[in-house]
All heavy atoms as atom14 arrays in JSON, in Angstrom:
{
  "sequence": "LDGVMIGRAAYHTPCDILLDADARIYADPHGRSAEDVVHLMLPYIAEH",
  "atom14_mask": [
    [1, 1, 1, 1, 1, 1, 1, 1, 0, 0, 0, 0, 0, 0],
    [1, 1, 1, 1, 1, 1, 1, 1, 0, 0, 0, 0, 0, 0],
    [1, 1, 1, 1, 0, 0, 0, 0, 0, 0, 0, 0, 0, 0],
    [1, 1, 1, 1, 1, 1, 1, 0, 0, 0, 0, 0, 0, 0],
    [1, 1, 1, 1, 1, 1, 1, 1, 0, 0, 0, 0, 0, 0],
    [1, 1, 1, 1, 1, 1, 1, 1, 0, 0, 0, 0, 0, 0],
    [1, 1, 1, 1, 0, 0, 0, 0, 0, 0, 0, 0, 0, 0],
    [1, 1, 1, 1, 1, 1, 1, 1, 1, 1, 1, 0, 0, 0],
    [1, 1, 1, 1, 1, 0, 0, 0, 0, 0, 0, 0, 0, 0],
    [1, 1, 1, 1, 1, 0, 0, 0, 0, 0, 0, 0, 0, 0],
    [1, 1, 1, 1, 1, 1, 1, 1, 1, 1, 1, 1, 0, 0],
    [1, 1, 1, 1, 1, 1, 1, 1, 1, 1, 0, 0, 0, 0],
    [1, 1, 1, 1, 1, 1, 1, 0, 0, 0, 0, 0, 0, 0],
    [1, 1, 1, 1, 1, 1, 1, 0, 0, 0, 0, 0, 0, 0],
    [1, 1, 1, 1, 1, 1, 0, 0, 0, 0, 0, 0, 0, 0],
    [1, 1, 1, 1, 1, 1, 1, 1, 0, 0, 0, 0, 0, 0],
    [1, 1, 1, 1, 1, 1, 1, 1, 0, 0, 0, 0, 0, 0],
    [1, 1, 1, 1, 1, 1, 1, 1, 0, 0, 0, 0, 0, 0],
    [1, 1, 1, 1, 1, 1, 1, 1, 0, 0, 0, 0, 0, 0],
    [1, 1, 1, 1, 1, 1, 1, 1, 0, 0, 0, 0, 0, 0],
    [1, 1, 1, 1, 1, 0, 0, 0, 0, 0, 0, 0, 0, 0],
    [1, 1, 1, 1, 1, 1, 1, 1, 0, 0, 0, 0, 0, 0],
    [1, 1, 1, 1, 1, 0, 0, 0, 0, 0, 0, 0, 0, 0],
    [1, 1, 1, 1, 1, 1, 1, 1, 1, 1, 1, 0, 0, 0],
    [1, 1, 1, 1, 1, 1, 1, 1, 0, 0, 0, 0, 0, 0],
    [1, 1, 1, 1, 1, 1, 1, 1, 1, 1, 1, 1, 0, 0],
    [1, 1, 1, 1, 1, 0, 0, 0, 0, 0, 0, 0, 0, 0],
    [1, 1, 1, 1, 1, 1, 1, 1, 0, 0, 0, 0, 0, 0],
    [1, 1, 1, 1, 1, 1, 1, 0, 0, 0, 0, 0, 0, 0],
    [1, 1, 1, 1, 1, 1, 1, 1, 1, 1, 0, 0, 0, 0],
    [1, 1, 1, 1, 0, 0, 0, 0, 0, 0, 0, 0, 0, 0],
    [1, 1, 1, 1, 1, 1, 1, 1, 1, 1, 1, 0, 0, 0],
    [1, 1, 1, 1, 1, 1, 0, 0, 0, 0, 0, 0, 0, 0],
    [1, 1, 1, 1, 1, 0, 0, 0, 0, 0, 0, 0, 0, 0],
    [1, 1, 1, 1, 1, 1, 1, 1, 1, 0, 0, 0, 0, 0],
    [1, 1, 1, 1, 1, 1, 1, 1, 0, 0, 0, 0, 0, 0],
    [1, 1, 1, 1, 1, 1, 1, 0, 0, 0, 0, 0, 0, 0],
    [1, 1, 1, 1, 1, 1, 1, 0, 0, 0, 0, 0, 0, 0],
    [1, 1, 1, 1, 1, 1, 1, 1, 1, 1, 0, 0, 0, 0],
    [1, 1, 1, 1, 1, 1, 1, 1, 0, 0, 0, 0, 0, 0],
    [1, 1, 1, 1, 1, 1, 1, 1, 0, 0, 0, 0, 0, 0],
    [1, 1, 1, 1, 1, 1, 1, 1, 0, 0, 0, 0, 0, 0],
    [1, 1, 1, 1, 1, 1, 1, 0, 0, 0, 0, 0, 0, 0],
    [1, 1, 1, 1, 1, 1, 1, 1, 1, 1, 1, 1, 0, 0],
    [1, 1, 1, 1, 1, 1, 1, 1, 0, 0, 0, 0, 0, 0],
    [1, 1, 1, 1, 1, 0, 0, 0, 0, 0, 0, 0, 0, 0],
    [1, 1, 1, 1, 1, 1, 1, 1, 1, 0, 0, 0, 0, 0],
    [1, 1, 1, 1, 1, 1, 1, 1, 1, 1, 0, 0, 0, 0]
  ],
  "atom14_positions": [
    [[0.84, -1.19, 0.0], [0.0, 0.0, 0.0], [0.88, 1.25, 0.0], [2.02, 1.23, 0.45], [-0.94, 0.0, 1.2], [-2.09, -1.0, 1.09], [-2.88, -1.09, 2.39], [-3.03, -0.62, -0.06], [0.0, 0.0, 0.0], [0.0, 0.0, 0.0], [0.0, 0.0, 0.0], [0.0, 0.0, 0.0], [0.0, 0.0, 0.0], [0.0, 0.0, 0.0]],
    [[0.32, 2.34, -0.5], [1.08, 3.58, -0.64], [1.05, 4.42, 0.62], [1.92, 5.26, 0.84], [0.53, 4.4, -1.79], [0.52, 3.63, -3.1], [1.6, 3.41, -3.65], [-0.58, 3.22, -3.54], [0.0, 0.0, 0.0], [0.0, 0.0, 0.0], [0.0, 0.0, 0.0], [0.0, 0.0, 0.0], [0.0, 0.0, 0.0], [0.0, 0.0, 0.0]],
    [[0.01, 4.23, 1.43], [-0.13, 5.06, 2.62], [-0.99, 4.4, 3.66], [-1.7, 3.42, 3.41], [0.0, 0.0, 0.0], [0.0, 0.0, 0.0], [0.0, 0.0, 0.0], [0.0, 0.0, 0.0], [0.0, 0.0, 0.0], [0.0, 0.0, 0.0], [0.0, 0.0, 0.0], [0.0, 0.0, 0.0], [0.0, 0.0, 0.0], [0.0, 0.0, 0.0]],
    [[-0.91, 4.96, 4.86], [-1.71, 4.51, 6.0], [-2.29, 5.75, 6.66], [-1.57, 6.73, 6.89], [-0.86, 3.71, 7.01], [-1.7, 3.32, 8.23], [-0.27, 2.48, 6.34], [0.0, 0.0, 0.0], [0.0, 0.0, 0.0], [0.0, 0.0, 0.0], [0.0, 0.0, 0.0], [0.0, 0.0, 0.0], [0.0, 0.0, 0.0], [0.0, 0.0, 0.0]],
    [[-3.59, 5.7, 6.96], [-4.25, 6.79, 7.67], [-4.66, 6.28, 9.05], [-5.33, 5.26, 9.16], [-5.48, 7.28, 6.89], [-6.27, 8.37, 7.6], [-7.69, 8.94, 6.62], [-6.87, 10.15, 5.56], [0.0, 0.0, 0.0], [0.0, 0.0, 0.0], [0.0, 0.0, 0.0], [0.0, 0.0, 0.0], [0.0, 0.0, 0.0], [0.0, 0.0, 0.0]],
    [[-4.23, 6.99, 10.08], [-4.52, 6.61, 11.46], [-5.39, 7.67, 12.1], [-5.12, 8.87, 11.96], [-3.24, 6.39, 12.27], [-2.36, 5.33, 11.6], [-3.57, 5.97, 13.71], [-1.07, 5.04, 12.35], [0.0, 0.0, 0.0], [0.0, 0.0, 0.0], [0.0, 0.0, 0.0], [0.0, 0.0, 0.0], [0.0, 0.0, 0.0], [0.0, 0.0, 0.0]],
    [[-6.43, 7.24, 12.81], [-7.35, 8.18, 13.44], [-7.21, 8.21, 14.95], [-6.36, 8.9, 15.5], [0.0, 0.0, 0.0], [0.0, 0.0, 0.0], [0.0, 0.0, 0.0], [0.0, 0.0, 0.0], [0.0, 0.0, 0.0], [0.0, 0.0, 0.0], [0.0, 0.0, 0.0], [0.0, 0.0, 0.0], [0.0, 0.0, 0.0], [0.0, 0.0, 0.0]],
    [[-8.04, 7.44, 15.63], [-8.15, 7.56, 17.09], [-6.84, 7.28, 17.82], [-6.54, 7.94, 18.82], [-9.26, 6.63, 17.6], [-10.65, 7.19, 17.35], [-11.72, 6.14, 17.6], [-11.71, 5.09, 16.58], [-12.39, 3.96, 16.68], [-13.12, 3.73, 17.76], [-12.35, 3.07, 15.71], [0.0, 0.0, 0.0], [0.0, 0.0, 0.0], [0.0, 0.0, 0.0]],
    [[-6.05, 6.33, 17.35], [-4.79, 6.04, 18.04], [-3.86, 7.25, 18.0], [-3.15, 7.53, 18.97], [-4.11, 4.82, 17.43], [0.0, 0.0, 0.0], [0.0, 0.0, 0.0], [0.0, 0.0, 0.0], [0.0, 0.0, 0.0], [0.0, 0.0, 0.0], [0.0, 0.0, 0.0], [0.0, 0.0, 0.0], [0.0, 0.0, 0.0], [0.0, 0.0, 0.0]],
    [[-3.85, 7.96, 16.87], [-3.0, 9.14, 16.75], [-3.48, 10.27, 17.65], [-2.69, 11.13, 18.05], [-2.96, 9.62, 15.3], [0.0, 0.0, 0.0], [0.0, 0.0, 0.0], [0.0, 0.0, 0.0], [0.0, 0.0, 0.0], [0.0, 0.0, 0.0], [0.0, 0.0, 0.0], [0.0, 0.0, 0.0], [0.0, 0.0, 0.0], [0.0, 0.0, 0.0]],
    [[-4.76, 10.26, 17.97], [-5.31, 11.29, 18.86], [-5.08, 10.93, 20.32], [-4.62, 11.75, 21.12], [-6.79, 11.5, 18.6], [-7.36, 12.66, 19.38], [-7.3, 13.95, 18.87], [-7.92, 12.47, 20.63], [-7.79, 15.03, 19.59], [-8.41, 13.54, 21.36], [-8.35, 14.82, 20.84], [-8.83, 15.88, 21.57], [0.0, 0.0, 0.0], [0.0, 0.0, 0.0]],
    [[-5.41, 9.71, 20.7], [-5.38, 9.32, 22.11], [-3.97, 9.0, 22.6], [-3.68, 9.18, 23.79], [-6.3, 8.13, 22.35], [-7.75, 8.45, 22.19], [-8.37, 9.43, 22.92], [-8.7, 7.94, 21.36], [-9.65, 9.51, 22.57], [-9.86, 8.62, 21.61], [0.0, 0.0, 0.0], [0.0, 0.0, 0.0], [0.0, 0.0, 0.0], [0.0, 0.0, 0.0]],
    [[-3.1, 8.52, 21.72], [-1.7, 8.24, 22.09], [-0.79, 8.85, 21.03], [-0.07, 8.14, 20.32], [-1.45, 6.72, 22.22], [-1.82, 6.07, 20.99], [-2.25, 6.13, 23.36], [0.0, 0.0, 0.0], [0.0, 0.0, 0.0], [0.0, 0.0, 0.0], [0.0, 0.0, 0.0], [0.0, 0.0, 0.0], [0.0, 0.0, 0.0], [0.0, 0.0, 0.0]],
    [[-0.81, 10.18, 20.89], [-0.11, 10.81, 19.77], [1.39, 10.56, 19.76], [1.98, 10.41, 18.69], [-0.44, 12.31, 19.94], [-0.79, 12.45, 21.4], [-1.46, 11.18, 21.76], [0.0, 0.0, 0.0], [0.0, 0.0, 0.0], [0.0, 0.0, 0.0], [0.0, 0.0, 0.0], [0.0, 0.0, 0.0], [0.0, 0.0, 0.0], [0.0, 0.0, 0.0]],
    [[2.0, 10.51, 20.94], [3.45, 10.32, 20.95], [3.85, 8.95, 20.44], [4.87, 8.79, 19.77], [3.99, 10.55, 22.37], [3.8, 12.27, 22.91], [0.0, 0.0, 0.0], [0.0, 0.0, 0.0], [0.0, 0.0, 0.0], [0.0, 0.0, 0.0], [0.0, 0.0, 0.0], [0.0, 0.0, 0.0], [0.0, 0.0, 0.0], [0.0, 0.0, 0.0]],
    [[3.03, 7.94, 20.74], [3.34, 6.58, 20.27], [3.33, 6.5, 18.75], [4.1, 5.75, 18.15], [2.31, 5.58, 20.82], [2.45, 5.36, 22.32], [3.46, 5.83, 22.89], [1.56, 4.72, 22.9], [0.0, 0.0, 0.0], [0.0, 0.0, 0.0], [0.0, 0.0, 0.0], [0.0, 0.0, 0.0], [0.0, 0.0, 0.0], [0.0, 0.0, 0.0]],
    [[2.45, 7.27, 18.13], [2.32, 7.23, 16.67], [3.27, 8.2, 15.99], [3.93, 7.87, 14.98], [0.88, 7.54, 16.25], [-0.11, 6.54, 16.86], [0.75, 7.58, 14.72], [0.09, 5.11, 16.43], [0.0, 0.0, 0.0], [0.0, 0.0, 0.0], [0.0, 0.0, 0.0], [0.0, 0.0, 0.0], [0.0, 0.0, 0.0], [0.0, 0.0, 0.0]],
    [[3.39, 9.41, 16.52], [3.99, 10.5, 15.76], [5.46, 10.78, 16.06], [6.18, 11.25, 15.18], [3.17, 11.78, 15.96], [1.77, 11.73, 15.33], [0.92, 12.89, 15.81], [1.89, 11.74, 13.82], [0.0, 0.0, 0.0], [0.0, 0.0, 0.0], [0.0, 0.0, 0.0], [0.0, 0.0, 0.0], [0.0, 0.0, 0.0], [0.0, 0.0, 0.0]],
    [[5.91, 10.52, 17.29], [7.28, 10.93, 17.6], [8.33, 10.14, 16.82], [9.41, 10.66, 16.53], [7.54, 10.8, 19.1], [6.86, 11.85, 19.99], [7.23, 11.63, 21.45], [7.22, 13.27, 19.57], [0.0, 0.0, 0.0], [0.0, 0.0, 0.0], [0.0, 0.0, 0.0], [0.0, 0.0, 0.0], [0.0, 0.0, 0.0], [0.0, 0.0, 0.0]],
    [[8.01, 8.91, 16.47], [8.96, 8.1, 15.68], [8.6, 8.02, 14.2], [9.28, 7.34, 13.43], [9.02, 6.67, 16.25], [9.68, 6.61, 17.62], [10.53, 7.48, 17.89], [9.34, 5.71, 18.42], [0.0, 0.0, 0.0], [0.0, 0.0, 0.0], [0.0, 0.0, 0.0], [0.0, 0.0, 0.0], [0.0, 0.0, 0.0], [0.0, 0.0, 0.0]],
    [[7.53, 8.69, 13.81], [7.04, 8.55, 12.44], [8.05, 9.06, 11.41], [8.26, 8.43, 10.37], [5.71, 9.29, 12.27], [0.0, 0.0, 0.0], [0.0, 0.0, 0.0], [0.0, 0.0, 0.0], [0.0, 0.0, 0.0], [0.0, 0.0, 0.0], [0.0, 0.0, 0.0], [0.0, 0.0, 0.0], [0.0, 0.0, 0.0], [0.0, 0.0, 0.0]],
    [[8.69, 10.19, 11.69], [9.61, 10.75, 10.7], [10.78, 9.8, 10.43], [11.16, 9.59, 9.29], [10.12, 12.11, 11.15], [9.07, 13.2, 11.04], [7.93, 12.88, 10.61], [9.37, 14.36, 11.39], [0.0, 0.0, 0.0], [0.0, 0.0, 0.0], [0.0, 0.0, 0.0], [0.0, 0.0, 0.0], [0.0, 0.0, 0.0], [0.0, 0.0, 0.0]],
    [[11.31, 9.22, 11.49], [12.44, 8.31, 11.33], [12.02, 7.01, 10.66], [12.7, 6.51, 9.76], [13.08, 8.02, 12.69], [0.0, 0.0, 0.0], [0.0, 0.0, 0.0], [0.0, 0.0, 0.0], [0.0, 0.0, 0.0], [0.0, 0.0, 0.0], [0.0, 0.0, 0.0], [0.0, 0.0, 0.0], [0.0, 0.0, 0.0], [0.0, 0.0, 0.0]],
    [[10.89, 6.45, 11.07], [10.51, 5.12, 10.6], [9.81, 5.12, 9.25], [9.99, 4.21, 8.45], [9.62, 4.45, 11.64], [10.35, 4.15, 12.95], [9.52, 3.3, 13.88], [9.12, 2.04, 13.27], [8.33, 1.16, 13.86], [7.86, 1.41, 15.09], [8.0, 0.04, 13.26], [0.0, 0.0, 0.0], [0.0, 0.0, 0.0], [0.0, 0.0, 0.0]],
    [[8.99, 6.13, 8.99], [8.2, 6.14, 7.76], [8.87, 6.98, 6.67], [8.74, 6.67, 5.48], [6.78, 6.68, 8.03], [6.09, 5.87, 9.15], [5.93, 6.67, 6.76], [5.89, 4.41, 8.84], [0.0, 0.0, 0.0], [0.0, 0.0, 0.0], [0.0, 0.0, 0.0], [0.0, 0.0, 0.0], [0.0, 0.0, 0.0], [0.0, 0.0, 0.0]],
    [[9.59, 8.03, 7.06], [10.14, 8.96, 6.07], [11.67, 9.0, 6.06], [12.26, 9.83, 5.36], [9.61, 10.37, 6.36], [8.11, 10.47, 6.34], [7.39, 10.44, 7.54], [7.4, 10.57, 5.15], [6.0, 10.52, 7.54], [6.02, 10.64, 5.14], [5.32, 10.62, 6.34], [3.95, 10.69, 6.34], [0.0, 0.0, 0.0], [0.0, 0.0, 0.0]],
    [[12.32, 8.13, 6.85], [13.79, 8.07, 6.89], [14.41, 9.43, 7.22], [15.45, 9.81, 6.69], [14.35, 7.55, 5.56], [0.0, 0.0, 0.0], [0.0, 0.0, 0.0], [0.0, 0.0, 0.0], [0.0, 0.0, 0.0], [0.0, 0.0, 0.0], [0.0, 0.0, 0.0], [0.0, 0.0, 0.0], [0.0, 0.0, 0.0], [0.0, 0.0, 0.0]],
    [[13.73, 10.17, 8.1], [14.23, 11.46, 8.57], [14.53, 11.32, 10.06], [13.61, 11.15, 10.87], [13.17, 12.54, 8.35], [13.63, 13.92, 8.83], [14.7, 14.02, 9.46], [12.89, 14.89, 8.61], [0.0, 0.0, 0.0], [0.0, 0.0, 0.0], [0.0, 0.0, 0.0], [0.0, 0.0, 0.0], [0.0, 0.0, 0.0], [0.0, 0.0, 0.0]],
    [[15.8, 11.36, 10.45], [16.15, 11.1, 11.84], [15.74, 12.19, 12.81], [15.86, 12.02, 14.02], [17.67, 10.95, 11.79], [18.1, 11.73, 10.6], [16.99, 11.57, 9.6], [0.0, 0.0, 0.0], [0.0, 0.0, 0.0], [0.0, 0.0, 0.0], [0.0, 0.0, 0.0], [0.0, 0.0, 0.0], [0.0, 0.0, 0.0], [0.0, 0.0, 0.0]],
    [[15.27, 13.32, 12.29], [14.78, 14.38, 13.16], [13.79, 13.8, 14.18], [12.93, 13.0, 13.84], [14.06, 15.43, 12.29], [12.98, 16.19, 13.01], [13.24, 17.32, 13.73], [11.65, 15.98, 13.11], [12.11, 17.78, 14.25], [11.13, 16.98, 13.88], [0.0, 0.0, 0.0], [0.0, 0.0, 0.0], [0.0, 0.0, 0.0], [0.0, 0.0, 0.0]],
    [[13.93, 14.22, 15.42], [12.98, 13.7, 16.41], [12.95, 14.58, 17.65], [13.91, 15.31, 17.95], [0.0, 0.0, 0.0], [0.0, 0.0, 0.0], [0.0, 0.0, 0.0], [0.0, 0.0, 0.0], [0.0, 0.0, 0.0], [0.0, 0.0, 0.0], [0.0, 0.0, 0.0], [0.0, 0.0, 0.0], [0.0, 0.0, 0.0], [0.0, 0.0, 0.0]],
    [[11.83, 14.51, 18.35], [11.66, 15.26, 19.59], [11.09, 14.34, 20.65], [10.45, 13.34, 20.33], [10.7, 16.44, 19.38], [11.27, 17.57, 18.53], [10.21, 18.57, 18.15], [10.82, 19.73, 17.49], [10.21, 20.49, 16.61], [8.96, 20.22, 16.23], [10.83, 21.52, 16.08], [0.0, 0.0, 0.0], [0.0, 0.0, 0.0], [0.0, 0.0, 0.0]],
    [[11.28, 14.71, 21.88], [10.65, 13.99, 22.97], [9.29, 14.61, 23.27], [9.01, 15.75, 22.85], [11.52, 14.05, 24.23], [11.53, 15.38, 24.75], [0.0, 0.0, 0.0], [0.0, 0.0, 0.0], [0.0, 0.0, 0.0], [0.0, 0.0, 0.0], [0.0, 0.0, 0.0], [0.0, 0.0, 0.0], [0.0, 0.0, 0.0], [0.0, 0.0, 0.0]],
    [[8.48, 13.88, 24.03], [7.19, 14.43, 24.42], [7.38, 15.7, 25.25], [6.62, 16.68, 25.11], [6.4, 13.39, 25.21], [0.0, 0.0, 0.0], [0.0, 0.0, 0.0], [0.0, 0.0, 0.0], [0.0, 0.0, 0.0], [0.0, 0.0, 0.0], [0.0, 0.0, 0.0], [0.0, 0.0, 0.0], [0.0, 0.0, 0.0], [0.0, 0.0, 0.0]],
    [[8.4, 15.7, 26.11], [8.67, 16.9, 26.92], [9.06, 18.08, 26.02], [8.63, 19.22, 26.28], [9.8, 16.6, 27.92], [9.41, 15.64, 29.03], [9.54, 14.17, 28.65], [9.82, 13.87, 27.45], [9.35, 13.32, 29.53], [0.0, 0.0, 0.0], [0.0, 0.0, 0.0], [0.0, 0.0, 0.0], [0.0, 0.0, 0.0], [0.0, 0.0, 0.0]],
    [[9.85, 17.82, 24.98], [10.19, 18.89, 24.03], [8.93, 19.51, 23.44], [8.81, 20.74, 23.32], [11.04, 18.34, 22.87], [12.43, 17.93, 23.28], [12.93, 18.41, 24.32], [13.02, 17.09, 22.56], [0.0, 0.0, 0.0], [0.0, 0.0, 0.0], [0.0, 0.0, 0.0], [0.0, 0.0, 0.0], [0.0, 0.0, 0.0], [0.0, 0.0, 0.0]],
    [[8.0, 18.64, 23.04], [6.78, 19.12, 22.4], [5.96, 19.98, 23.35], [5.42, 21.02, 22.96], [5.95, 17.92, 21.88], [4.59, 18.39, 21.38], [6.71, 17.2, 20.77], [0.0, 0.0, 0.0], [0.0, 0.0, 0.0], [0.0, 0.0, 0.0], [0.0, 0.0, 0.0], [0.0, 0.0, 0.0], [0.0, 0.0, 0.0], [0.0, 0.0, 0.0]],
    [[5.88, 19.57, 24.61], [5.14, 20.38, 25.59], [5.74, 21.77, 25.68], [5.03, 22.79, 25.64], [5.14, 19.7, 26.97], [4.56, 20.65, 28.03], [4.32, 18.41, 26.92], [0.0, 0.0, 0.0], [0.0, 0.0, 0.0], [0.0, 0.0, 0.0], [0.0, 0.0, 0.0], [0.0, 0.0, 0.0], [0.0, 0.0, 0.0], [0.0, 0.0, 0.0]],
    [[7.06, 21.85, 25.77], [7.7, 23.17, 25.86], [7.49, 23.99, 24.59], [7.29, 25.22, 24.66], [9.19, 23.01, 26.17], [9.48, 22.66, 27.59], [9.42, 23.57, 28.62], [9.8, 21.47, 28.17], [9.72, 22.99, 29.76], [9.94, 21.7, 29.53], [0.0, 0.0, 0.0], [0.0, 0.0, 0.0], [0.0, 0.0, 0.0], [0.0, 0.0, 0.0]],
    [[7.51, 23.33, 23.44], [7.29, 24.06, 22.18], [5.85, 24.54, 22.04], [5.58, 25.48, 21.28], [7.65, 23.15, 21.0], [9.15, 22.89, 20.81], [9.38, 21.75, 19.82], [9.85, 24.16, 20.33], [0.0, 0.0, 0.0], [0.0, 0.0, 0.0], [0.0, 0.0, 0.0], [0.0, 0.0, 0.0], [0.0, 0.0, 0.0], [0.0, 0.0, 0.0]],
    [[4.91, 23.91, 22.76], [3.53, 24.35, 22.73], [3.3, 25.62, 23.53], [2.3, 26.33, 23.31], [2.6, 23.25, 23.28], [2.34, 22.1, 22.33], [1.48, 22.58, 20.81], [-0.14, 23.06, 21.45], [0.0, 0.0, 0.0], [0.0, 0.0, 0.0], [0.0, 0.0, 0.0], [0.0, 0.0, 0.0], [0.0, 0.0, 0.0], [0.0, 0.0, 0.0]],
    [[4.2, 25.95, 24.45], [3.94, 27.06, 25.37], [3.79, 28.42, 24.67], [2.85, 29.17, 24.99], [5.02, 27.11, 26.44], [5.11, 25.86, 27.34], [6.22, 26.02, 28.37], [3.78, 25.57, 28.02], [0.0, 0.0, 0.0], [0.0, 0.0, 0.0], [0.0, 0.0, 0.0], [0.0, 0.0, 0.0], [0.0, 0.0, 0.0], [0.0, 0.0, 0.0]],
    [[4.65, 28.79, 23.71], [4.42, 30.07, 23.01], [3.11, 30.08, 22.24], [2.43, 31.12, 22.17], [5.63, 30.18, 22.07], [6.65, 29.27, 22.63], [5.91, 28.16, 23.29], [0.0, 0.0, 0.0], [0.0, 0.0, 0.0], [0.0, 0.0, 0.0], [0.0, 0.0, 0.0], [0.0, 0.0, 0.0], [0.0, 0.0, 0.0], [0.0, 0.0, 0.0]],
    [[2.76, 28.95, 21.65], [1.48, 28.85, 20.93], [0.32, 29.07, 21.88], [-0.64, 29.78, 21.57], [1.4, 27.48, 20.26], [0.13, 27.25, 19.46], [0.04, 27.66, 18.13], [-0.96, 26.61, 20.03], [-1.11, 27.44, 17.39], [-2.12, 26.38, 19.3], [-2.19, 26.8, 17.98], [-3.35, 26.58, 17.25], [0.0, 0.0, 0.0], [0.0, 0.0, 0.0]],
    [[0.42, 28.45, 23.06], [-0.63, 28.61, 24.07], [-0.72, 30.07, 24.5], [-1.82, 30.64, 24.6], [-0.34, 27.69, 25.28], [-0.62, 26.24, 24.9], [-1.16, 28.11, 26.5], [-0.1, 25.22, 25.91], [0.0, 0.0, 0.0], [0.0, 0.0, 0.0], [0.0, 0.0, 0.0], [0.0, 0.0, 0.0], [0.0, 0.0, 0.0], [0.0, 0.0, 0.0]],
    [[0.41, 30.7, 24.75], [0.42, 32.09, 25.19], [-0.24, 33.0, 24.15], [-1.03, 33.9, 24.5], [1.85, 32.54, 25.47], [0.0, 0.0, 0.0], [0.0, 0.0, 0.0], [0.0, 0.0, 0.0], [0.0, 0.0, 0.0], [0.0, 0.0, 0.0], [0.0, 0.0, 0.0], [0.0, 0.0, 0.0], [0.0, 0.0, 0.0], [0.0, 0.0, 0.0]],
    [[0.06, 32.76, 22.87], [-0.55, 33.58, 21.82], [-2.05, 33.35, 21.74], [-2.83, 34.3, 21.56], [0.11, 33.25, 20.48], [-0.42, 34.1, 19.32], [0.25, 33.79, 18.0], [1.11, 32.89, 17.95], [-0.1, 34.45, 17.0], [0.0, 0.0, 0.0], [0.0, 0.0, 0.0], [0.0, 0.0, 0.0], [0.0, 0.0, 0.0], [0.0, 0.0, 0.0]],
    [[-2.46, 32.1, 21.89], [-3.9, 31.78, 21.87], [-4.63, 32.5, 23.0], [-5.72, 33.07, 22.79], [-4.08, 30.27, 21.98], [-5.5, 29.82, 22.03], [-6.36, 29.96, 20.96], [-6.23, 29.22, 23.03], [-7.55, 29.48, 21.29], [-7.5, 29.02, 22.54], [0.0, 0.0, 0.0], [0.0, 0.0, 0.0], [0.0, 0.0, 0.0], [0.0, 0.0, 0.0]]
  ]
}
């Protein structure tokens, strides 16, 4: 298959699905931890 679409699992356990997706699906070693993502959300939250 050419692609996979994930719904509820990506919402309820986003880190399990998304944090390793770039490395495993797209061969891009870029990665962040869940804690990194929380900190990166803070400016977005402040602006909101």
